[in-house]
Amino acid sequence: MPISCGKPLLGPEIHSLEMKYNTRLPDDYRKFLEKKNGFVVKSPDFSELHYDGVDEGIIAFHGLFGIETQNHYNDVYYHNDNFLNEVDFLKEKMIIGDDPGGNYFLIINIDNKTGVYYWDRTHLHSEDDIQIFAIPEKNDSGNIYKITDDFTSFYKMVLQTTADLGMKINNDL
């Protein structure tokens, strides 16, 4: 399974991202952007993350966005500019990645809600019997499920699923 990473970033580029969206990104996510600047699962176009909070016990993962990517669909600014306003009821949040179906992964950096979350924006899991979500939908936004307490744990989860499919990527955060 090929994985594509972006060009490493400098601190000022990440600071500009934080200023634009009025958030402070966790240090581990900042280090990821500095070293990897995102990555995308190319073939197949997704992997599966184990998550017991939905019926089938999995959620799909496509990629983590970067800054100034060649393909704007892999760019963090593109997704945040177009979709972040749908969860305006949350403070200190940023879209950082997606699944192949229009759902997103968020970093939320609020006191008791810090971590990486899966935003079921397209209501993919709305019919599930198991719905262990952390933040209920508002204004048809879709439920938001907590995946991990920090970015490093989420990144390790992603790396494990890609390794299970035969592709290894250096975990040098």
N, C-alpha and C. Protein backbone atom coordinates (compact mmCIF):
# COMPACT_ATOMS: atom_id res chain seq x y z
N MET A 1 0.84 -1.17 0.00
CA MET A 1 0.00 0.00 0.00
C MET A 1 0.89 1.24 0.00
N PRO A 2 0.94 1.98 -1.08
CA PRO A 2 1.75 3.20 -1.12
C PRO A 2 1.17 4.30 -0.23
N ILE A 3 2.08 5.02 0.40
CA ILE A 3 1.72 6.17 1.23
C ILE A 3 2.54 7.34 0.73
N SER A 4 1.92 8.48 0.60
CA SER A 4 2.60 9.67 0.12
C SER A 4 2.66 10.71 1.23
N CYS A 5 3.86 11.23 1.51
CA CYS A 5 4.03 12.27 2.52
C CYS A 5 4.32 13.61 1.85
N GLY A 6 4.12 14.70 2.58
CA GLY A 6 4.39 16.03 2.06
C GLY A 6 5.80 16.49 2.38
N LYS A 7 6.10 17.72 1.98
CA LYS A 7 7.39 18.32 2.28
C LYS A 7 7.40 18.82 3.71
N PRO A 8 8.49 18.65 4.44
CA PRO A 8 8.56 19.15 5.82
C PRO A 8 8.28 20.65 5.88
N LEU A 9 7.77 21.10 7.02
CA LEU A 9 7.39 22.50 7.21
C LEU A 9 8.27 23.18 8.24
N LEU A 10 8.17 24.49 8.25
CA LEU A 10 8.84 25.30 9.26
C LEU A 10 7.82 25.80 10.28
N GLY A 11 8.29 26.14 11.45
CA GLY A 11 7.43 26.62 12.51
C GLY A 11 6.52 27.78 12.12
N PRO A 12 7.02 28.80 11.38
CA PRO A 12 6.16 29.92 11.02
C PRO A 12 4.95 29.51 10.16
N GLU A 13 5.10 28.51 9.32
CA GLU A 13 3.98 28.04 8.50
C GLU A 13 2.88 27.43 9.38
N ILE A 14 3.28 26.72 10.41
CA ILE A 14 2.33 26.12 11.34
C ILE A 14 1.69 27.20 12.21
N HIS A 15 2.49 28.16 12.62
CA HIS A 15 1.96 29.27 13.42
C HIS A 15 0.88 30.03 12.64
N SER A 16 1.10 30.24 11.35
CA SER A 16 0.10 30.92 10.51
C SER A 16 -1.20 30.14 10.46
N LEU A 17 -1.09 28.82 10.40
CA LEU A 17 -2.28 27.95 10.41
C LEU A 17 -3.05 28.13 11.72
N GLU A 18 -2.34 28.14 12.83
CA GLU A 18 -2.98 28.33 14.14
C GLU A 18 -3.66 29.70 14.24
N MET A 19 -3.01 30.71 13.74
CA MET A 19 -3.57 32.06 13.82
C MET A 19 -4.83 32.17 12.96
N LYS A 20 -4.81 31.60 11.77
CA LYS A 20 -5.97 31.70 10.89
C LYS A 20 -7.21 31.06 11.52
N TYR A 21 -7.03 29.92 12.20
CA TYR A 21 -8.18 29.20 12.76
C TYR A 21 -8.32 29.38 14.27
N ASN A 22 -7.55 30.30 14.83
CA ASN A 22 -7.68 30.67 16.24
C ASN A 22 -7.61 29.45 17.16
N THR A 23 -6.57 28.66 16.99
CA THR A 23 -6.38 27.48 17.83
C THR A 23 -4.90 27.29 18.12
N ARG A 24 -4.61 26.58 19.16
CA ARG A 24 -3.23 26.19 19.49
C ARG A 24 -3.16 24.69 19.27
N LEU A 25 -2.32 24.29 18.32
CA LEU A 25 -2.19 22.87 18.01
C LEU A 25 -1.28 22.18 19.02
N PRO A 26 -1.58 20.94 19.37
CA PRO A 26 -0.72 20.19 20.29
C PRO A 26 0.69 20.02 19.71
N ASP A 27 1.68 19.97 20.59
CA ASP A 27 3.07 19.85 20.15
C ASP A 27 3.32 18.62 19.28
N ASP A 28 2.69 17.48 19.61
CA ASP A 28 2.94 16.28 18.82
C ASP A 28 2.41 16.42 17.39
N TYR A 29 1.28 17.10 17.21
CA TYR A 29 0.75 17.34 15.87
C TYR A 29 1.63 18.35 15.12
N ARG A 30 2.13 19.35 15.81
CA ARG A 30 3.04 20.32 15.19
C ARG A 30 4.30 19.60 14.69
N LYS A 31 4.83 18.69 15.49
CA LYS A 31 6.03 17.93 15.07
C LYS A 31 5.73 17.07 13.84
N PHE A 32 4.54 16.48 13.81
CA PHE A 32 4.13 15.70 12.64
C PHE A 32 4.13 16.57 11.38
N LEU A 33 3.55 17.76 11.47
CA LEU A 33 3.53 18.66 10.31
C LEU A 33 4.94 19.07 9.91
N GLU A 34 5.78 19.35 10.90
CA GLU A 34 7.16 19.74 10.59
C GLU A 34 7.91 18.64 9.85
N LYS A 35 7.68 17.39 10.23
CA LYS A 35 8.43 16.27 9.63
C LYS A 35 7.76 15.64 8.42
N LYS A 36 6.45 15.45 8.48
CA LYS A 36 5.74 14.71 7.42
C LYS A 36 4.85 15.59 6.56
N ASN A 37 4.34 16.68 7.13
CA ASN A 37 3.39 17.57 6.45
C ASN A 37 2.27 16.77 5.78
N GLY A 38 1.69 15.88 6.54
CA GLY A 38 0.57 15.07 6.06
C GLY A 38 1.02 13.78 5.40
N PHE A 39 0.07 12.88 5.24
CA PHE A 39 0.29 11.73 4.38
C PHE A 39 -1.04 11.13 3.97
N VAL A 40 -1.02 10.48 2.82
CA VAL A 40 -2.23 9.95 2.22
C VAL A 40 -2.00 8.49 1.85
N VAL A 41 -2.97 7.64 2.18
CA VAL A 41 -2.94 6.24 1.76
C VAL A 41 -3.38 6.24 0.29
N LYS A 42 -2.52 5.74 -0.60
CA LYS A 42 -2.78 5.83 -2.04
C LYS A 42 -3.49 4.61 -2.62
N SER A 43 -3.06 3.41 -2.25
CA SER A 43 -3.63 2.23 -2.89
C SER A 43 -3.58 1.05 -1.93
N PRO A 44 -4.69 0.50 -1.50
CA PRO A 44 -6.03 1.03 -1.76
C PRO A 44 -6.13 2.42 -1.18
N ASP A 45 -7.21 3.12 -1.44
CA ASP A 45 -7.28 4.53 -1.05
C ASP A 45 -7.70 4.75 0.40
N PHE A 46 -7.64 3.72 1.22
CA PHE A 46 -7.94 3.89 2.64
C PHE A 46 -7.43 2.68 3.41
N SER A 47 -7.38 2.84 4.72
CA SER A 47 -7.15 1.72 5.63
C SER A 47 -8.27 1.76 6.67
N GLU A 48 -8.31 0.77 7.54
CA GLU A 48 -9.37 0.69 8.53
C GLU A 48 -8.81 0.81 9.93
N LEU A 49 -9.39 1.70 10.71
CA LEU A 49 -9.01 1.88 12.11
C LEU A 49 -10.02 1.15 12.98
N HIS A 50 -9.53 0.43 13.95
CA HIS A 50 -10.42 -0.27 14.88
C HIS A 50 -10.98 0.72 15.89
N TYR A 51 -12.31 0.72 15.99
CA TYR A 51 -12.99 1.60 16.94
C TYR A 51 -14.27 0.91 17.39
N ASP A 52 -14.37 0.58 18.65
CA ASP A 52 -15.51 -0.17 19.17
C ASP A 52 -16.78 0.64 19.34
N GLY A 53 -16.75 1.93 19.05
CA GLY A 53 -17.91 2.78 19.26
C GLY A 53 -18.93 2.79 18.14
N VAL A 54 -18.71 1.96 17.09
CA VAL A 54 -19.66 1.84 15.99
C VAL A 54 -19.91 0.36 15.72
N ASP A 55 -21.02 0.06 15.01
CA ASP A 55 -21.46 -1.32 14.83
C ASP A 55 -20.40 -2.29 14.32
N GLU A 56 -19.74 -1.96 13.23
CA GLU A 56 -18.79 -2.91 12.63
C GLU A 56 -17.41 -2.85 13.27
N GLY A 57 -17.22 -1.96 14.21
CA GLY A 57 -15.96 -1.87 14.94
C GLY A 57 -14.81 -1.28 14.15
N ILE A 58 -15.13 -0.61 13.03
CA ILE A 58 -14.08 0.02 12.24
C ILE A 58 -14.57 1.35 11.68
N ILE A 59 -13.62 2.24 11.48
CA ILE A 59 -13.86 3.46 10.72
C ILE A 59 -12.75 3.56 9.69
N ALA A 60 -13.07 4.09 8.55
CA ALA A 60 -12.09 4.19 7.47
C ALA A 60 -11.17 5.39 7.70
N PHE A 61 -9.97 5.29 7.15
CA PHE A 61 -8.98 6.36 7.21
C PHE A 61 -8.38 6.53 5.83
N HIS A 62 -8.33 7.75 5.35
CA HIS A 62 -7.72 8.04 4.05
C HIS A 62 -6.41 8.80 4.19
N GLY A 63 -6.40 9.87 4.98
CA GLY A 63 -5.17 10.64 5.07
C GLY A 63 -5.20 11.70 6.14
N LEU A 64 -4.01 12.24 6.39
CA LEU A 64 -3.81 13.39 7.27
C LEU A 64 -3.36 14.53 6.37
N PHE A 65 -4.00 15.68 6.50
CA PHE A 65 -3.75 16.78 5.59
C PHE A 65 -2.44 17.49 5.89
N GLY A 66 -1.89 18.11 4.86
CA GLY A 66 -0.70 18.92 4.97
C GLY A 66 -0.99 20.35 4.58
N ILE A 67 0.05 21.15 4.55
CA ILE A 67 -0.06 22.56 4.18
C ILE A 67 0.57 22.76 2.82
N GLU A 68 -0.14 23.49 1.94
CA GLU A 68 0.33 23.78 0.59
C GLU A 68 0.69 22.52 -0.18
N THR A 69 -0.23 21.57 -0.19
CA THR A 69 -0.02 20.32 -0.91
C THR A 69 -0.29 20.51 -2.40
N GLN A 70 0.27 19.64 -3.23
CA GLN A 70 0.04 19.72 -4.67
C GLN A 70 -1.44 19.51 -5.01
N ASN A 71 -2.07 18.58 -4.32
CA ASN A 71 -3.49 18.31 -4.52
C ASN A 71 -4.26 19.03 -3.42
N HIS A 72 -5.09 20.01 -3.78
CA HIS A 72 -5.76 20.79 -2.75
C HIS A 72 -6.71 19.96 -1.90
N TYR A 73 -7.13 18.79 -2.37
CA TYR A 73 -7.99 17.92 -1.56
C TYR A 73 -7.23 17.30 -0.39
N ASN A 74 -5.92 17.41 -0.39
CA ASN A 74 -5.10 16.92 0.72
C ASN A 74 -4.57 18.07 1.57
N ASP A 75 -5.10 19.27 1.36
CA ASP A 75 -4.60 20.46 2.03
C ASP A 75 -5.48 20.83 3.23
N VAL A 76 -4.86 21.08 4.34
CA VAL A 76 -5.58 21.39 5.58
C VAL A 76 -6.38 22.69 5.45
N TYR A 77 -5.86 23.66 4.73
CA TYR A 77 -6.59 24.92 4.54
C TYR A 77 -7.87 24.69 3.74
N TYR A 78 -7.80 23.92 2.70
CA TYR A 78 -8.98 23.67 1.86
C TYR A 78 -10.15 23.13 2.70
N HIS A 79 -9.89 22.11 3.49
CA HIS A 79 -10.95 21.48 4.26
C HIS A 79 -11.45 22.37 5.40
N ASN A 80 -10.55 23.03 6.08
CA ASN A 80 -10.97 23.91 7.17
C ASN A 80 -11.72 25.13 6.64
N ASP A 81 -11.28 25.69 5.53
CA ASP A 81 -11.98 26.84 4.94
C ASP A 81 -13.41 26.48 4.52
N ASN A 82 -13.59 25.26 4.03
CA ASN A 82 -14.88 24.87 3.47
C ASN A 82 -15.84 24.18 4.44
N PHE A 83 -15.32 23.55 5.51
CA PHE A 83 -16.19 22.71 6.33
C PHE A 83 -16.13 22.96 7.84
N LEU A 84 -15.11 23.62 8.33
CA LEU A 84 -14.95 23.80 9.77
C LEU A 84 -16.11 24.58 10.39
N ASN A 85 -16.72 25.48 9.62
CA ASN A 85 -17.83 26.27 10.15
C ASN A 85 -19.04 25.41 10.53
N GLU A 86 -19.11 24.19 10.03
CA GLU A 86 -20.23 23.30 10.37
C GLU A 86 -20.19 22.85 11.83
N VAL A 87 -19.04 23.00 12.47
CA VAL A 87 -18.93 22.66 13.90
C VAL A 87 -18.50 23.90 14.70
N ASP A 88 -19.08 25.03 14.34
CA ASP A 88 -18.77 26.29 15.05
C ASP A 88 -19.14 26.26 16.53
N PHE A 89 -19.99 25.33 16.92
CA PHE A 89 -20.34 25.22 18.33
C PHE A 89 -19.17 24.71 19.17
N LEU A 90 -18.12 24.23 18.52
CA LEU A 90 -16.90 23.79 19.21
C LEU A 90 -15.83 24.87 19.11
N LYS A 91 -15.12 25.11 20.18
CA LYS A 91 -13.99 26.03 20.16
C LYS A 91 -12.71 25.20 20.01
N GLU A 92 -11.64 25.86 19.59
CA GLU A 92 -10.31 25.22 19.53
C GLU A 92 -10.34 23.88 18.81
N LYS A 93 -10.73 23.90 17.54
CA LYS A 93 -10.77 22.66 16.77
C LYS A 93 -10.14 22.90 15.41
N MET A 94 -9.69 21.79 14.79
CA MET A 94 -9.15 21.85 13.44
C MET A 94 -9.36 20.51 12.76
N ILE A 95 -9.76 20.55 11.50
CA ILE A 95 -9.84 19.35 10.68
C ILE A 95 -8.42 18.97 10.28
N ILE A 96 -8.03 17.72 10.55
CA ILE A 96 -6.66 17.30 10.24
C ILE A 96 -6.58 16.16 9.25
N GLY A 97 -7.69 15.46 8.99
CA GLY A 97 -7.65 14.33 8.07
C GLY A 97 -9.05 13.88 7.72
N ASP A 98 -9.12 12.82 6.89
CA ASP A 98 -10.43 12.36 6.45
C ASP A 98 -10.47 10.86 6.20
N ASP A 99 -11.71 10.38 6.00
CA ASP A 99 -11.92 9.04 5.48
C ASP A 99 -12.26 9.22 4.00
N PRO A 100 -12.44 8.18 3.23
CA PRO A 100 -12.72 8.37 1.81
C PRO A 100 -14.15 8.81 1.51
N GLY A 101 -15.00 8.99 2.52
CA GLY A 101 -16.41 9.29 2.27
C GLY A 101 -16.90 10.64 2.75
N GLY A 102 -16.02 11.59 3.01
CA GLY A 102 -16.46 12.92 3.41
C GLY A 102 -16.60 13.14 4.90
N ASN A 103 -16.08 12.22 5.70
CA ASN A 103 -16.06 12.38 7.16
C ASN A 103 -14.65 12.80 7.55
N TYR A 104 -14.54 13.46 8.70
CA TYR A 104 -13.27 14.06 9.06
C TYR A 104 -12.73 13.60 10.41
N PHE A 105 -11.42 13.78 10.56
CA PHE A 105 -10.74 13.64 11.83
C PHE A 105 -10.40 15.06 12.30
N LEU A 106 -10.71 15.33 13.56
CA LEU A 106 -10.50 16.65 14.16
C LEU A 106 -9.52 16.56 15.31
N ILE A 107 -8.77 17.61 15.50
CA ILE A 107 -8.08 17.81 16.78
C ILE A 107 -8.91 18.83 17.52
N ILE A 108 -9.27 18.48 18.73
CA ILE A 108 -9.99 19.41 19.61
C ILE A 108 -9.08 19.68 20.79
N ASN A 109 -8.93 20.95 21.13
CA ASN A 109 -7.98 21.34 22.16
C ASN A 109 -8.69 22.21 23.21
N ILE A 110 -9.72 21.62 23.82
CA ILE A 110 -10.48 22.29 24.86
C ILE A 110 -10.30 21.48 26.14
N ASP A 111 -10.19 22.15 27.26
CA ASP A 111 -9.94 21.55 28.56
C ASP A 111 -10.26 20.06 28.67
N ASN A 112 -11.51 19.70 28.79
CA ASN A 112 -11.87 18.30 29.04
C ASN A 112 -12.16 17.51 27.77
N LYS A 113 -11.89 18.09 26.61
CA LYS A 113 -12.16 17.40 25.35
C LYS A 113 -10.92 17.26 24.48
N THR A 114 -9.74 17.45 24.99
CA THR A 114 -8.52 17.38 24.20
C THR A 114 -8.35 15.99 23.59
N GLY A 115 -8.02 15.95 22.30
CA GLY A 115 -7.75 14.68 21.63
C GLY A 115 -8.06 14.71 20.16
N VAL A 116 -8.04 13.51 19.56
CA VAL A 116 -8.38 13.34 18.14
C VAL A 116 -9.76 12.69 18.08
N TYR A 117 -10.61 13.25 17.23
CA TYR A 117 -11.99 12.83 17.12
C TYR A 117 -12.34 12.47 15.67
N TYR A 118 -13.31 11.60 15.52
CA TYR A 118 -13.87 11.26 14.21
C TYR A 118 -15.22 11.95 14.09
N TRP A 119 -15.37 12.79 13.08
CA TRP A 119 -16.59 13.55 12.86
C TRP A 119 -17.40 12.84 11.77
N ASP A 120 -18.49 12.22 12.16
CA ASP A 120 -19.37 11.49 11.24
C ASP A 120 -20.27 12.50 10.51
N ARG A 121 -19.65 13.30 9.71
CA ARG A 121 -20.31 14.42 9.03
C ARG A 121 -21.40 13.96 8.06
N THR A 122 -21.22 12.83 7.41
CA THR A 122 -22.19 12.34 6.42
C THR A 122 -23.22 11.39 7.03
N HIS A 123 -23.19 11.25 8.35
CA HIS A 123 -24.14 10.38 9.07
C HIS A 123 -24.00 8.92 8.67
N LEU A 124 -22.79 8.50 8.35
CA LEU A 124 -22.50 7.12 7.98
C LEU A 124 -22.91 6.14 9.07
N HIS A 125 -22.73 6.52 10.32
CA HIS A 125 -23.02 5.62 11.44
C HIS A 125 -24.32 5.98 12.17
N SER A 126 -25.16 6.83 11.58
CA SER A 126 -26.38 7.27 12.26
C SER A 126 -27.39 6.15 12.47
N GLU A 127 -27.32 5.11 11.68
CA GLU A 127 -28.24 3.97 11.82
C GLU A 127 -27.68 2.88 12.73
N ASP A 128 -26.44 3.03 13.18
CA ASP A 128 -25.80 2.01 14.01
C ASP A 128 -26.53 1.87 15.35
N ASP A 129 -26.52 0.64 15.88
CA ASP A 129 -27.02 0.42 17.23
C ASP A 129 -26.01 0.92 18.26
N ILE A 130 -24.73 0.66 17.97
CA ILE A 130 -23.66 1.14 18.84
C ILE A 130 -23.26 2.52 18.33
N GLN A 131 -23.42 3.49 19.17
CA GLN A 131 -22.99 4.85 18.83
C GLN A 131 -22.38 5.47 20.07
N ILE A 132 -21.12 5.15 20.29
CA ILE A 132 -20.44 5.69 21.46
C ILE A 132 -19.73 6.98 21.03
N PHE A 133 -20.52 8.05 20.96
CA PHE A 133 -19.96 9.33 20.54
C PHE A 133 -19.73 10.22 21.75
N ALA A 134 -18.81 11.14 21.60
CA ALA A 134 -18.46 12.05 22.69
C ALA A 134 -19.23 13.36 22.62
N ILE A 135 -19.55 13.78 21.40
CA ILE A 135 -20.24 15.06 21.20
C ILE A 135 -21.41 14.82 20.26
N PRO A 136 -22.63 15.01 20.75
CA PRO A 136 -23.79 14.78 19.88
C PRO A 136 -23.90 15.86 18.80
N GLU A 137 -24.52 15.47 17.70
CA GLU A 137 -24.66 16.42 16.59
C GLU A 137 -25.53 17.61 16.98
N LYS A 138 -25.23 18.73 16.35
CA LYS A 138 -26.03 19.94 16.48
C LYS A 138 -26.25 20.48 15.07
N ASN A 139 -27.47 20.87 14.77
CA ASN A 139 -27.79 21.43 13.46
C ASN A 139 -27.38 20.51 12.31
N ASP A 140 -27.65 19.22 12.45
CA ASP A 140 -27.34 18.21 11.43
C ASP A 140 -25.85 18.07 11.13
N SER A 141 -25.00 18.39 12.10
CA SER A 141 -23.55 18.31 11.87
C SER A 141 -23.02 16.89 11.87
N GLY A 142 -23.72 15.96 12.50
CA GLY A 142 -23.22 14.60 12.67
C GLY A 142 -22.56 14.44 14.02
N ASN A 143 -22.62 13.24 14.57
CA ASN A 143 -21.99 12.96 15.87
C ASN A 143 -20.48 12.98 15.75
N ILE A 144 -19.82 13.26 16.87
CA ILE A 144 -18.36 13.31 16.91
C ILE A 144 -17.88 12.30 17.96
N TYR A 145 -17.02 11.39 17.52
CA TYR A 145 -16.54 10.27 18.33
C TYR A 145 -15.10 10.51 18.75
N LYS A 146 -14.79 10.33 20.02
CA LYS A 146 -13.41 10.48 20.47
C LYS A 146 -12.64 9.21 20.14
N ILE A 147 -11.53 9.37 19.46
CA ILE A 147 -10.70 8.24 19.06
C ILE A 147 -9.53 8.05 20.02
N THR A 148 -8.77 9.10 20.28
CA THR A 148 -7.63 9.02 21.19
C THR A 148 -7.51 10.32 21.99
N ASP A 149 -6.75 10.25 23.07
CA ASP A 149 -6.54 11.43 23.92
C ASP A 149 -5.51 12.39 23.35
N ASP A 150 -4.68 11.92 22.41
CA ASP A 150 -3.64 12.78 21.85
C ASP A 150 -3.31 12.35 20.43
N PHE A 151 -2.60 13.22 19.72
CA PHE A 151 -2.26 12.94 18.32
C PHE A 151 -1.29 11.77 18.20
N THR A 152 -0.31 11.67 19.09
CA THR A 152 0.67 10.59 19.01
C THR A 152 -0.01 9.22 19.05
N SER A 153 -0.97 9.04 19.93
CA SER A 153 -1.70 7.76 20.00
C SER A 153 -2.47 7.50 18.72
N PHE A 154 -3.09 8.53 18.17
CA PHE A 154 -3.83 8.39 16.91
C PHE A 154 -2.88 8.02 15.78
N TYR A 155 -1.76 8.71 15.71
CA TYR A 155 -0.77 8.45 14.66
C TYR A 155 -0.26 7.01 14.74
N LYS A 156 0.00 6.53 15.94
CA LYS A 156 0.45 5.14 16.11
C LYS A 156 -0.63 4.16 15.66
N MET A 157 -1.91 4.49 15.92
CA MET A 157 -3.02 3.65 15.48
C MET A 157 -3.05 3.58 13.95
N VAL A 158 -2.88 4.72 13.31
CA VAL A 158 -2.86 4.77 11.85
C VAL A 158 -1.67 3.98 11.31
N LEU A 159 -0.51 4.17 11.90
CA LEU A 159 0.68 3.45 11.44
C LEU A 159 0.50 1.94 11.58
N GLN A 160 -0.15 1.51 12.64
CA GLN A 160 -0.38 0.07 12.83
C GLN A 160 -1.27 -0.48 11.73
N THR A 161 -2.32 0.25 11.36
CA THR A 161 -3.20 -0.26 10.31
C THR A 161 -2.51 -0.29 8.96
N THR A 162 -1.64 0.69 8.70
CA THR A 162 -0.92 0.66 7.43
C THR A 162 0.12 -0.45 7.43
N ALA A 163 0.73 -0.71 8.58
CA ALA A 163 1.69 -1.82 8.68
C ALA A 163 0.98 -3.16 8.48
N ASP A 164 -0.26 -3.28 9.02
CA ASP A 164 -1.03 -4.51 8.84
C ASP A 164 -1.31 -4.78 7.37
N LEU A 165 -1.35 -3.72 6.56
CA LEU A 165 -1.60 -3.87 5.13
C LEU A 165 -0.30 -3.96 4.32
N GLY A 166 0.83 -4.05 5.02
CA GLY A 166 2.10 -4.28 4.34
C GLY A 166 2.94 -3.05 4.07
N MET A 167 2.56 -1.90 4.58
CA MET A 167 3.33 -0.68 4.34
C MET A 167 3.78 -0.10 5.66
N LYS A 168 5.06 0.17 5.76
CA LYS A 168 5.58 0.78 6.98
C LYS A 168 6.01 2.20 6.66
N ILE A 169 5.77 3.05 7.63
CA ILE A 169 6.23 4.43 7.55
C ILE A 169 6.95 4.74 8.85
N ASN A 170 7.99 5.50 8.76
CA ASN A 170 8.83 5.82 9.91
C ASN A 170 8.05 6.62 10.95
N ASN A 171 8.04 6.12 12.18
CA ASN A 171 7.36 6.80 13.28
C ASN A 171 8.38 7.62 14.05
N ASP A 172 8.75 8.77 13.49
CA ASP A 172 9.80 9.58 14.11
C ASP A 172 9.27 10.91 14.62
N LEU A 173 8.16 10.87 15.33
CA LEU A 173 7.63 12.11 15.90
C LEU A 173 8.42 12.53 17.11
